[in-house]
């Protein structure tokens, strides 16, 4: 897949464009089938996303300090600690079906 600069004359040289053929190729690789109208719509949508990313890339962020987390981290971690647990009987009390101290569930693997 190749991206080509779009509309250099309008000062939008950093916007990458994706073609309908590239959308068809991606769909083929993903085993997806779309109508021609969907291919065209996805092309417009992808180009809109690329245009927005290019707009973000043009922002001057030189005065912004790099961050790894949005929040300070004060509330993200807690102390690990041992706490009590419930008994097997309590855990199975509301189970639709149980046996030999275990939850019984429908067989999902053949």
PDB file of N, CA and C in Angstrom:
ATOM      1  N   UNK A   1       0.856  -1.157   0.000  1.00  0.00           N
ATOM      2  CA  UNK A   1       0.000   0.000   0.000  1.00  0.00           C
ATOM      3  C   UNK A   1       0.905   1.223   0.000  1.00  0.00           C
ATOM      4  N   UNK A   2       0.580   2.185  -0.803  1.00  0.00           N
ATOM      5  CA  UNK A   2       1.386   3.398  -0.850  1.00  0.00           C
ATOM      6  C   UNK A   2       0.499   4.604  -0.612  1.00  0.00           C
ATOM      7  N   UNK A   3       1.028   5.538   0.146  1.00  0.00           N
ATOM      8  CA  UNK A   3       0.310   6.767   0.405  1.00  0.00           C
ATOM      9  C   UNK A   3       0.997   7.876  -0.353  1.00  0.00           C
ATOM     10  N   UNK A   4       0.212   8.709  -0.984  1.00  0.00           N
ATOM     11  CA  UNK A   4       0.770   9.824  -1.747  1.00  0.00           C
ATOM     12  C   UNK A   4       0.311  11.130  -1.127  1.00  0.00           C
ATOM     13  N   UNK A   5       1.199  12.127  -1.083  1.00  0.00           N
ATOM     14  CA  UNK A   5       0.770  13.429  -0.566  1.00  0.00           C
ATOM     15  C   UNK A   5      -0.398  13.959  -1.387  1.00  0.00           C
ATOM     16  N   UNK A   6      -1.342  14.586  -0.693  1.00  0.00           N
ATOM     17  CA  UNK A   6      -2.525  15.099  -1.379  1.00  0.00           C
ATOM     18  C   UNK A   6      -2.532  16.618  -1.356  1.00  0.00           C
ATOM     19  N   UNK A   7      -2.852  17.227  -2.439  1.00  0.00           N
ATOM     20  CA  UNK A   7      -3.109  18.648  -2.553  1.00  0.00           C
ATOM     21  C   UNK A   7      -1.986  19.511  -1.970  1.00  0.00           C
ATOM     22  N   UNK A   8      -0.794  19.390  -2.542  1.00  0.00           N
ATOM     23  CA  UNK A   8       0.363  20.136  -2.069  1.00  0.00           C
ATOM     24  C   UNK A   8       0.156  21.636  -2.241  1.00  0.00           C
ATOM     25  N   UNK A   9      -0.537  22.044  -3.286  1.00  0.00           N
ATOM     26  CA  UNK A   9      -0.723  23.465  -3.568  1.00  0.00           C
ATOM     27  C   UNK A   9      -1.558  24.175  -2.521  1.00  0.00           C
ATOM     28  N   UNK A  10      -2.411  23.466  -1.810  1.00  0.00           N
ATOM     29  CA  UNK A  10      -3.290  24.102  -0.828  1.00  0.00           C
ATOM     30  C   UNK A  10      -2.663  24.117   0.564  1.00  0.00           C
ATOM     31  N   UNK A  11      -1.356  23.799   0.669  1.00  0.00           N
ATOM     32  CA  UNK A  11      -0.706  23.794   1.959  1.00  0.00           C
ATOM     33  C   UNK A  11      -1.053  22.569   2.789  1.00  0.00           C
ATOM     34  N   UNK A  12      -1.506  21.541   2.133  1.00  0.00           N
ATOM     35  CA  UNK A  12      -1.895  20.325   2.824  1.00  0.00           C
ATOM     36  C   UNK A  12      -0.975  19.195   2.408  1.00  0.00           C
ATOM     37  N   UNK A  13       0.330  19.494   2.336  1.00  0.00           N
ATOM     38  CA  UNK A  13       1.284  18.514   1.837  1.00  0.00           C
ATOM     39  C   UNK A  13       1.485  17.330   2.759  1.00  0.00           C
ATOM     40  N   UNK A  14       1.101  17.438   4.034  1.00  0.00           N
ATOM     41  CA  UNK A  14       1.331  16.341   4.955  1.00  0.00           C
ATOM     42  C   UNK A  14       0.134  15.399   5.083  1.00  0.00           C
ATOM     43  N   UNK A  15      -0.910  15.627   4.291  1.00  0.00           N
ATOM     44  CA  UNK A  15      -2.075  14.748   4.321  1.00  0.00           C
ATOM     45  C   UNK A  15      -1.842  13.587   3.356  1.00  0.00           C
ATOM     46  N   UNK A  16      -1.983  12.384   3.869  1.00  0.00           N
ATOM     47  CA  UNK A  16      -1.833  11.202   3.042  1.00  0.00           C
ATOM     48  C   UNK A  16      -3.194  10.817   2.485  1.00  0.00           C
ATOM     49  N   UNK A  17      -3.196  10.318   1.260  1.00  0.00           N
ATOM     50  CA  UNK A  17      -4.459   9.933   0.633  1.00  0.00           C
ATOM     51  C   UNK A  17      -4.479   8.428   0.415  1.00  0.00           C
ATOM     52  N   UNK A  18      -5.640   7.848   0.571  1.00  0.00           N
ATOM     53  CA  UNK A  18      -5.832   6.428   0.302  1.00  0.00           C
ATOM     54  C   UNK A  18      -6.832   6.322  -0.851  1.00  0.00           C
ATOM     55  N   UNK A  19      -6.603   5.384  -1.738  1.00  0.00           N
ATOM     56  CA  UNK A  19      -7.454   5.243  -2.918  1.00  0.00           C
ATOM     57  C   UNK A  19      -8.487   4.136  -2.727  1.00  0.00           C
ATOM     58  N   UNK A  20      -9.490   4.127  -3.592  1.00  0.00           N
ATOM     59  CA  UNK A  20     -10.513   3.079  -3.571  1.00  0.00           C
ATOM     60  C   UNK A  20      -9.865   1.723  -3.815  1.00  0.00           C
ATOM     61  N   UNK A  21      -8.870   1.682  -4.704  1.00  0.00           N
ATOM     62  CA  UNK A  21      -8.182   0.410  -4.973  1.00  0.00           C
ATOM     63  C   UNK A  21      -7.488  -0.116  -3.722  1.00  0.00           C
ATOM     64  N   UNK A  22      -6.925   0.779  -2.924  1.00  0.00           N
ATOM     65  CA  UNK A  22      -6.272   0.342  -1.690  1.00  0.00           C
ATOM     66  C   UNK A  22      -7.302  -0.168  -0.683  1.00  0.00           C
ATOM     67  N   UNK A  23      -8.460   0.450  -0.635  1.00  0.00           N
ATOM     68  CA  UNK A  23      -9.530  -0.029   0.242  1.00  0.00           C
ATOM     69  C   UNK A  23      -9.982  -1.412  -0.220  1.00  0.00           C
ATOM     70  N   UNK A  24     -10.128  -1.604  -1.526  1.00  0.00           N
ATOM     71  CA  UNK A  24     -10.492  -2.928  -2.060  1.00  0.00           C
ATOM     72  C   UNK A  24      -9.441  -3.969  -1.665  1.00  0.00           C
ATOM     73  N   UNK A  25      -8.157  -3.589  -1.775  1.00  0.00           N
ATOM     74  CA  UNK A  25      -7.061  -4.497  -1.456  1.00  0.00           C
ATOM     75  C   UNK A  25      -7.100  -4.886   0.028  1.00  0.00           C
ATOM     76  N   UNK A  26      -7.302  -3.922   0.899  1.00  0.00           N
ATOM     77  CA  UNK A  26      -7.387  -4.195   2.337  1.00  0.00           C
ATOM     78  C   UNK A  26      -8.575  -5.106   2.626  1.00  0.00           C
ATOM     79  N   UNK A  27      -9.700  -4.839   1.999  1.00  0.00           N
ATOM     80  CA  UNK A  27     -10.895  -5.663   2.191  1.00  0.00           C
ATOM     81  C   UNK A  27     -10.626  -7.096   1.729  1.00  0.00           C
ATOM     82  N   UNK A  28      -9.951  -7.231   0.605  1.00  0.00           N
ATOM     83  CA  UNK A  28      -9.623  -8.563   0.079  1.00  0.00           C
ATOM     84  C   UNK A  28      -8.711  -9.303   1.055  1.00  0.00           C
ATOM     85  N   UNK A  29      -7.700  -8.612   1.610  1.00  0.00           N
ATOM     86  CA  UNK A  29      -6.786  -9.232   2.568  1.00  0.00           C
ATOM     87  C   UNK A  29      -7.523  -9.685   3.832  1.00  0.00           C
ATOM     88  N   UNK A  30      -8.549  -8.938   4.209  1.00  0.00           N
ATOM     89  CA  UNK A  30      -9.316  -9.251   5.418  1.00  0.00           C
ATOM     90  C   UNK A  30     -10.507 -10.163   5.130  1.00  0.00           C
ATOM     91  N   UNK A  31     -10.623 -10.640   3.904  1.00  0.00           N
ATOM     92  CA  UNK A  31     -11.747 -11.485   3.493  1.00  0.00           C
ATOM     93  C   UNK A  31     -13.090 -10.819   3.763  1.00  0.00           C
ATOM     94  N   UNK A  32     -13.176  -9.525   3.460  1.00  0.00           N
ATOM     95  CA  UNK A  32     -14.415  -8.772   3.627  1.00  0.00           C
ATOM     96  C   UNK A  32     -14.984  -8.439   2.261  1.00  0.00           C
ATOM     97  N   UNK A  33     -16.282  -8.543   2.135  1.00  0.00           N
ATOM     98  CA  UNK A  33     -16.941  -8.209   0.882  1.00  0.00           C
ATOM     99  C   UNK A  33     -17.799  -6.964   1.087  1.00  0.00           C
ATOM    100  N   UNK A  34     -17.578  -5.962   0.250  1.00  0.00           N
ATOM    101  CA  UNK A  34     -18.326  -4.718   0.328  1.00  0.00           C
ATOM    102  C   UNK A  34     -18.872  -4.366  -1.040  1.00  0.00           C
ATOM    103  N   UNK A  35     -19.922  -3.567  -1.041  1.00  0.00           N
ATOM    104  CA  UNK A  35     -20.453  -3.053  -2.299  1.00  0.00           C
ATOM    105  C   UNK A  35     -19.553  -1.913  -2.767  1.00  0.00           C
ATOM    106  N   UNK A  36     -19.727  -1.506  -3.989  1.00  0.00           N
ATOM    107  CA  UNK A  36     -18.932  -0.393  -4.518  1.00  0.00           C
ATOM    108  C   UNK A  36     -19.199   0.886  -3.722  1.00  0.00           C
ATOM    109  N   UNK A  37     -20.448   1.086  -3.321  1.00  0.00           N
ATOM    110  CA  UNK A  37     -20.789   2.266  -2.514  1.00  0.00           C
ATOM    111  C   UNK A  37     -20.070   2.232  -1.170  1.00  0.00           C
ATOM    112  N   UNK A  38     -19.950   1.033  -0.572  1.00  0.00           N
ATOM    113  CA  UNK A  38     -19.239   0.911   0.706  1.00  0.00           C
ATOM    114  C   UNK A  38     -17.746   1.176   0.526  1.00  0.00           C
ATOM    115  N   UNK A  39     -17.167   0.677  -0.572  1.00  0.00           N
ATOM    116  CA  UNK A  39     -15.752   0.963  -0.846  1.00  0.00           C
ATOM    117  C   UNK A  39     -15.518   2.469  -0.920  1.00  0.00           C
ATOM    118  N   UNK A  40     -16.395   3.158  -1.624  1.00  0.00           N
ATOM    119  CA  UNK A  40     -16.245   4.608  -1.764  1.00  0.00           C
ATOM    120  C   UNK A  40     -16.447   5.318  -0.432  1.00  0.00           C
ATOM    121  N   UNK A  41     -17.431   4.858   0.349  1.00  0.00           N
ATOM    122  CA  UNK A  41     -17.676   5.470   1.652  1.00  0.00           C
ATOM    123  C   UNK A  41     -16.479   5.256   2.588  1.00  0.00           C
ATOM    124  N   UNK A  42     -15.925   4.036   2.610  1.00  0.00           N
ATOM    125  CA  UNK A  42     -14.772   3.757   3.464  1.00  0.00           C
ATOM    126  C   UNK A  42     -13.559   4.558   3.022  1.00  0.00           C
ATOM    127  N   UNK A  43     -13.403   4.768   1.721  1.00  0.00           N
ATOM    128  CA  UNK A  43     -12.298   5.587   1.219  1.00  0.00           C
ATOM    129  C   UNK A  43     -12.423   7.008   1.742  1.00  0.00           C
ATOM    130  N   UNK A  44     -13.635   7.566   1.647  1.00  0.00           N
ATOM    131  CA  UNK A  44     -13.861   8.927   2.173  1.00  0.00           C
ATOM    132  C   UNK A  44     -13.600   8.981   3.668  1.00  0.00           C
ATOM    133  N   UNK A  45     -14.098   7.985   4.401  1.00  0.00           N
ATOM    134  CA  UNK A  45     -13.936   7.980   5.847  1.00  0.00           C
ATOM    135  C   UNK A  45     -12.465   7.848   6.247  1.00  0.00           C
ATOM    136  N   UNK A  46     -11.737   6.956   5.580  1.00  0.00           N
ATOM    137  CA  UNK A  46     -10.318   6.787   5.894  1.00  0.00           C
ATOM    138  C   UNK A  46      -9.530   8.052   5.572  1.00  0.00           C
ATOM    139  N   UNK A  47      -9.850   8.684   4.450  1.00  0.00           N
ATOM    140  CA  UNK A  47      -9.166   9.929   4.103  1.00  0.00           C
ATOM    141  C   UNK A  47      -9.500  11.037   5.091  1.00  0.00           C
ATOM    142  N   UNK A  48     -10.718  11.033   5.610  1.00  0.00           N
ATOM    143  CA  UNK A  48     -11.102  12.009   6.623  1.00  0.00           C
ATOM    144  C   UNK A  48     -10.285  11.792   7.897  1.00  0.00           C
ATOM    145  N   UNK A  49     -10.097  10.537   8.281  1.00  0.00           N
ATOM    146  CA  UNK A  49      -9.290  10.212   9.458  1.00  0.00           C
ATOM    147  C   UNK A  49      -7.846  10.650   9.242  1.00  0.00           C
ATOM    148  N   UNK A  50      -7.287  10.350   8.054  1.00  0.00           N
ATOM    149  CA  UNK A  50      -5.912  10.749   7.754  1.00  0.00           C
ATOM    150  C   UNK A  50      -5.760  12.265   7.752  1.00  0.00           C
ATOM    151  N   UNK A  51      -6.777  12.969   7.264  1.00  0.00           N
ATOM    152  CA  UNK A  51      -6.739  14.430   7.266  1.00  0.00           C
ATOM    153  C   UNK A  51      -6.736  14.964   8.696  1.00  0.00           C
ATOM    154  N   UNK A  52      -7.529  14.354   9.562  1.00  0.00           N
ATOM    155  CA  UNK A  52      -7.569  14.778  10.965  1.00  0.00           C
ATOM    156  C   UNK A  52      -6.218  14.530  11.640  1.00  0.00           C
ATOM    157  N   UNK A  53      -5.609  13.384  11.364  1.00  0.00           N
ATOM    158  CA  UNK A  53      -4.292  13.079  11.930  1.00  0.00           C
ATOM    159  C   UNK A  53      -3.259  14.084  11.445  1.00  0.00           C
ATOM    160  N   UNK A  54      -3.314  14.431  10.179  1.00  0.00           N
ATOM    161  CA  UNK A  54      -2.392  15.432   9.641  1.00  0.00           C
ATOM    162  C   UNK A  54      -2.599  16.779  10.326  1.00  0.00           C
ATOM    163  N   UNK A  55      -3.850  17.107  10.603  1.00  0.00           N
ATOM    164  CA  UNK A  55      -4.165  18.353  11.304  1.00  0.00           C
ATOM    165  C   UNK A  55      -3.541  18.327  12.702  1.00  0.00           C
ATOM    166  N   UNK A  56      -3.628  17.190  13.398  1.00  0.00           N
ATOM    167  CA  UNK A  56      -3.014  17.061  14.716  1.00  0.00           C
ATOM    168  C   UNK A  56      -1.489  17.148  14.621  1.00  0.00           C
ATOM    169  N   UNK A  57      -0.916  16.573  13.566  1.00  0.00           N
ATOM    170  CA  UNK A  57       0.532  16.607  13.387  1.00  0.00           C
ATOM    171  C   UNK A  57       1.058  18.021  13.166  1.00  0.00           C
ATOM    172  N   UNK A  58       0.219  18.917  12.664  1.00  0.00           N
ATOM    173  CA  UNK A  58       0.641  20.293  12.419  1.00  0.00           C
ATOM    174  C   UNK A  58       0.665  21.139  13.698  1.00  0.00           C
ATOM    175  N   UNK A  59       0.080  20.638  14.773  1.00  0.00           N
ATOM    176  CA  UNK A  59       0.046  21.391  16.023  1.00  0.00           C
ATOM    177  C   UNK A  59       1.453  21.520  16.606  1.00  0.00           C
ATOM    178  N   UNK A  60       1.755  22.697  17.144  1.00  0.00           N
ATOM    179  CA  UNK A  60       3.041  22.928  17.803  1.00  0.00           C
ATOM    180  C   UNK A  60       2.934  22.434  19.244  1.00  0.00           C
ATOM    181  N   UNK A  61       3.594  21.328  19.536  1.00  0.00           N
ATOM    182  CA  UNK A  61       3.554  20.753  20.879  1.00  0.00           C
ATOM    183  C   UNK A  61       4.908  20.874  21.574  1.00  0.00           C
ATOM    184  N   UNK A  62       5.774  21.734  21.055  1.00  0.00           N
ATOM    185  CA  UNK A  62       7.126  21.844  21.607  1.00  0.00           C
ATOM    186  C   UNK A  62       7.122  22.345  23.056  1.00  0.00           C
ATOM    187  N   UNK A  63       6.125  23.099  23.464  1.00  0.00           N
ATOM    188  CA  UNK A  63       6.075  23.630  24.829  1.00  0.00           C
ATOM    189  C   UNK A  63       5.323  22.710  25.789  1.00  0.00           C
ATOM    190  N   UNK A  64       4.867  21.569  25.305  1.00  0.00           N
ATOM    191  CA  UNK A  64       4.101  20.651  26.135  1.00  0.00           C
ATOM    192  C   UNK A  64       5.013  19.542  26.627  1.00  0.00           C
ATOM    193  N   UNK A  65       5.032  19.345  27.947  1.00  0.00           N
ATOM    194  CA  UNK A  65       5.884  18.324  28.538  1.00  0.00           C
ATOM    195  C   UNK A  65       5.342  16.934  28.198  1.00  0.00           C
ATOM    196  N   UNK A  66       6.202  16.023  27.772  1.00  0.00           N
ATOM    197  CA  UNK A  66       5.745  14.662  27.470  1.00  0.00           C
ATOM    198  C   UNK A  66       5.185  13.985  28.719  1.00  0.00           C
ATOM    199  N   UNK A  67       4.143  13.211  28.521  1.00  0.00           N
ATOM    200  CA  UNK A  67       3.541  12.481  29.638  1.00  0.00           C
ATOM    201  C   UNK A  67       3.332  11.032  29.242  1.00  0.00           C
ATOM    202  N   UNK A  68       3.380  10.170  30.234  1.00  0.00           N
ATOM    203  CA  UNK A  68       3.090   8.763  29.963  1.00  0.00           C
ATOM    204  C   UNK A  68       1.708   8.382  30.464  1.00  0.00           C
ATOM    205  N   UNK A  69       1.166   9.201  31.387  1.00  0.00           N
ATOM    206  CA  UNK A  69      -0.166   8.964  31.927  1.00  0.00           C
ATOM    207  C   UNK A  69      -0.906  10.293  32.016  1.00  0.00           C
ATOM    208  N   UNK A  70      -2.183  10.258  31.743  1.00  0.00           N
ATOM    209  CA  UNK A  70      -2.985  11.468  31.815  1.00  0.00           C
ATOM    210  C   UNK A  70      -3.162  11.898  33.263  1.00  0.00           C
ATOM    211  N   UNK A  71      -3.337  10.930  34.131  1.00  0.00           N
ATOM    212  CA  UNK A  71      -3.560  11.214  35.547  1.00  0.00           C
ATOM    213  C   UNK A  71      -2.230  11.120  36.287  1.00  0.00           C
ATOM    214  N   UNK A  72      -2.156  11.699  37.459  1.00  0.00           N
ATOM    215  CA  UNK A  72      -0.928  11.715  38.248  1.00  0.00           C
ATOM    216  C   UNK A  72      -0.517  10.329  38.726  1.00  0.00           C
ATOM    217  N   UNK A  73      -1.431   9.406  38.788  1.00  0.00           N
ATOM    218  CA  UNK A  73      -1.123   8.059  39.232  1.00  0.00           C
ATOM    219  C   UNK A  73      -1.423   7.838  40.696  1.00  0.00           C
ATOM    220  N   UNK A  74      -1.872   8.855  41.383  1.00  0.00           N
ATOM    221  CA  UNK A  74      -2.135   8.728  42.810  1.00  0.00           C
ATOM    222  C   UNK A  74      -3.240   7.719  43.105  1.00  0.00           C
ATOM    223  N   UNK A  75      -4.176   7.558  42.198  1.00  0.00           N
ATOM    224  CA  UNK A  75      -5.311   6.669  42.464  1.00  0.00           C
ATOM    225  C   UNK A  75      -5.260   5.391  41.629  1.00  0.00           C
ATOM    226  N   UNK A  76      -4.217   5.207  40.847  1.00  0.00           N
ATOM    227  CA  UNK A  76      -4.208   4.064  39.944  1.00  0.00           C
ATOM    228  C   UNK A  76      -3.723   2.779  40.593  1.00  0.00           C
ATOM    229  N   UNK A  77      -2.898   2.885  41.622  1.00  0.00           N
ATOM    230  CA  UNK A  77      -2.368   1.678  42.252  1.00  0.00           C
ATOM    231  C   UNK A  77      -2.812   1.628  43.709  1.00  0.00           C
ATOM    232  N   UNK A  78      -2.953   0.448  44.220  1.00  0.00           N
ATOM    233  CA  UNK A  78      -3.299   0.269  45.623  1.00  0.00           C
ATOM    234  C   UNK A  78      -2.341  -0.743  46.214  1.00  0.00           C
ATOM    235  N   UNK A  79      -2.303  -0.789  47.511  1.00  0.00           N
ATOM    236  CA  UNK A  79      -1.477  -1.765  48.204  1.00  0.00           C
ATOM    237  C   UNK A  79      -2.035  -3.163  47.954  1.00  0.00           C
ATOM    238  N   UNK A  80      -1.166  -4.107  47.675  1.00  0.00           N
ATOM    239  CA  UNK A  80      -1.586  -5.497  47.603  1.00  0.00           C
ATOM    240  C   UNK A  80      -1.733  -6.001  49.024  1.00  0.00           C
ATOM    241  N   UNK A  81      -2.749  -6.752  49.232  1.00  0.00           N
ATOM    242  CA  UNK A  81      -2.938  -7.285  50.570  1.00  0.00           C
ATOM    243  C   UNK A  81      -3.809  -8.509  50.542  1.00  0.00           C
ATOM    244  N   UNK A  82      -3.603  -9.357  51.517  1.00  0.00           N
ATOM    245  CA  UNK A  82      -4.396 -10.573  51.636  1.00  0.00           C
ATOM    246  C   UNK A  82      -5.723 -10.197  52.293  1.00  0.00           C
ATOM    247  N   UNK A  83      -6.791 -10.699  51.734  1.00  0.00           N
ATOM    248  CA  UNK A  83      -8.104 -10.471  52.336  1.00  0.00           C
ATOM    249  C   UNK A  83      -8.861 -11.786  52.338  1.00  0.00           C
ATOM    250  N   UNK A  84      -9.923 -11.811  53.072  1.00  0.00           N
ATOM    251  CA  UNK A  84     -10.708 -13.033  53.187  1.00  0.00           C
ATOM    252  C   UNK A  84     -11.458 -13.351  51.908  1.00  0.00           C
ATOM    253  N   UNK A  85     -11.914 -14.565  51.806  1.00  0.00           N
ATOM    254  CA  UNK A  85     -12.709 -14.960  50.641  1.00  0.00           C
ATOM    255  C   UNK A  85     -13.932 -15.705  51.132  1.00  0.00           C
ATOM    256  N   UNK A  86     -14.824 -15.987  50.212  1.00  0.00           N
ATOM    257  CA  UNK A  86     -16.047 -16.695  50.590  1.00  0.00           C
ATOM    258  C   UNK A  86     -15.831 -18.195  50.450  1.00  0.00           C
ATOM    259  N   UNK A  87     -16.655 -18.944  51.104  1.00  0.00           N
ATOM    260  CA  UNK A  87     -16.534 -20.405  51.050  1.00  0.00           C
ATOM    261  C   UNK A  87     -17.063 -20.926  49.709  1.00  0.00           C
ATOM    262  N   UNK A  88     -16.714 -22.147  49.414  1.00  0.00           N
ATOM    263  CA  UNK A  88     -17.192 -22.789  48.181  1.00  0.00           C
ATOM    264  C   UNK A  88     -18.716 -22.850  48.176  1.00  0.00           C
ATOM    265  N   UNK A  89     -19.306 -23.160  49.321  1.00  0.00           N
ATOM    266  CA  UNK A  89     -20.766 -23.251  49.409  1.00  0.00           C
ATOM    267  C   UNK A  89     -21.412 -21.903  49.099  1.00  0.00           C
ATOM    268  N   UNK A  90     -20.822 -20.816  49.614  1.00  0.00           N
ATOM    269  CA  UNK A  90     -21.363 -19.481  49.339  1.00  0.00           C
ATOM    270  C   UNK A  90     -21.214 -19.134  47.861  1.00  0.00           C
ATOM    271  N   UNK A  91     -20.086 -19.501  47.262  1.00  0.00           N
ATOM    272  CA  UNK A  91     -19.850 -19.200  45.854  1.00  0.00           C
ATOM    273  C   UNK A  91     -20.845 -19.934  44.963  1.00  0.00           C
ATOM    274  N   UNK A  92     -21.180 -21.163  45.342  1.00  0.00           N
ATOM    275  CA  UNK A  92     -22.074 -21.983  44.516  1.00  0.00           C
ATOM    276  C   UNK A  92     -23.548 -21.807  44.864  1.00  0.00           C
ATOM    277  N   UNK A  93     -23.859 -21.020  45.886  1.00  0.00           N
ATOM    278  CA  UNK A  93     -25.240 -20.896  46.375  1.00  0.00           C
ATOM    279  C   UNK A  93     -26.212 -20.439  45.298  1.00  0.00           C
ATOM    280  N   UNK A  94     -25.818 -19.535  44.424  1.00  0.00           N
ATOM    281  CA  UNK A  94     -26.727 -19.027  43.392  1.00  0.00           C
ATOM    282  C   UNK A  94     -26.443 -19.599  42.009  1.00  0.00           C
ATOM    283  N   UNK A  95     -25.591 -20.596  41.931  1.00  0.00           N
ATOM    284  CA  UNK A  95     -25.264 -21.207  40.638  1.00  0.00           C
ATOM    285  C   UNK A  95     -26.471 -21.980  40.125  1.00  0.00           C
ATOM    286  N   UNK A  96     -26.778 -21.870  38.833  1.00  0.00           N
ATOM    287  CA  UNK A  96     -27.904 -22.625  38.286  1.00  0.00           C
ATOM    288  C   UNK A  96     -27.701 -24.132  38.437  1.00  0.00           C
ATOM    289  N   UNK A  97     -26.424 -24.573  38.320  1.00  0.00           N
ATOM    290  CA  UNK A  97     -26.133 -25.996  38.452  1.00  0.00           C
ATOM    291  C   UNK A  97     -24.697 -26.146  38.938  1.00  0.00           C
ATOM    292  N   UNK A  98     -24.503 -27.061  39.884  1.00  0.00           N
ATOM    293  CA  UNK A  98     -23.162 -27.316  40.400  1.00  0.00           C
ATOM    294  C   UNK A  98     -23.031 -28.792  40.727  1.00  0.00           C
ATOM    295  N   UNK A  99     -21.821 -29.228  40.918  1.00  0.00           N
ATOM    296  CA  UNK A  99     -21.565 -30.619  41.267  1.00  0.00           C
ATOM    297  C   UNK A  99     -20.115 -30.783  41.682  1.00  0.00           C
ATOM    298  N   UNK A 100     -19.877 -31.611  42.690  1.00  0.00           N
ATOM    299  CA  UNK A 100     -18.532 -31.883  43.212  1.00  0.00           C
ATOM    300  C   UNK A 100     -17.782 -30.596  43.555  1.00  0.00           C
ATOM    301  N   UNK A 101     -18.507 -29.583  44.039  1.00  0.00           N
ATOM    302  CA  UNK A 101     -17.879 -28.335  44.449  1.00  0.00           C
ATOM    303  C   UNK A 101     -17.481 -27.432  43.298  1.00  0.00           C
ATOM    304  N   UNK A 102     -18.047 -27.641  42.100  1.00  0.00           N
ATOM    305  CA  UNK A 102     -17.687 -26.862  40.921  1.00  0.00           C
ATOM    306  C   UNK A 102     -18.947 -26.332  40.237  1.00  0.00           C
ATOM    307  N   UNK A 103     -18.814 -25.264  39.467  1.00  0.00           N
ATOM    308  CA  UNK A 103     -19.891 -24.762  38.620  1.00  0.00           C
ATOM    309  C   UNK A 103     -20.023 -25.699  37.433  1.00  0.00           C
ATOM    310  N   UNK A 104     -21.245 -26.065  37.082  1.00  0.00           N
ATOM    311  CA  UNK A 104     -21.468 -26.858  35.873  1.00  0.00           C
ATOM    312  C   UNK A 104     -21.934 -25.916  34.785  1.00  0.00           C
ATOM    313  N   UNK A 105     -21.296 -26.003  33.617  1.00  0.00           N
ATOM    314  CA  UNK A 105     -21.634 -25.164  32.484  1.00  0.00           C
ATOM    315  C   UNK A 105     -21.809 -26.041  31.256  1.00  0.00           C
ATOM    316  N   UNK A 106     -22.530 -25.535  30.230  1.00  0.00           N
ATOM    317  CA  UNK A 106     -22.701 -26.336  29.023  1.00  0.00           C
ATOM    318  C   UNK A 106     -21.355 -26.568  28.326  1.00  0.00           C
ATOM    319  N   UNK A 107     -21.239 -27.720  27.706  1.00  0.00           N
ATOM    320  CA  UNK A 107     -20.032 -28.069  26.964  1.00  0.00           C
ATOM    321  C   UNK A 107     -19.919 -27.149  25.749  1.00  0.00           C
ATOM    322  N   UNK A 108     -18.759 -26.498  25.580  1.00  0.00           N
ATOM    323  CA  UNK A 108     -18.587 -25.577  24.465  1.00  0.00           C
ATOM    324  C   UNK A 108     -17.525 -26.039  23.462  1.00  0.00           C
ATOM    325  N   UNK A 109     -16.791 -27.069  23.823  1.00  0.00           N
ATOM    326  CA  UNK A 109     -15.767 -27.605  22.909  1.00  0.00           C
ATOM    327  C   UNK A 109     -16.180 -29.005  22.530  1.00  0.00           C
ATOM    328  N   UNK A 110     -16.164 -29.298  21.221  1.00  0.00           N
ATOM    329  CA  UNK A 110     -16.610 -30.573  20.705  1.00  0.00           C
ATOM    330  C   UNK A 110     -15.761 -31.687  20.992  1.00  0.00           C
TER     331      UNK A 110
END
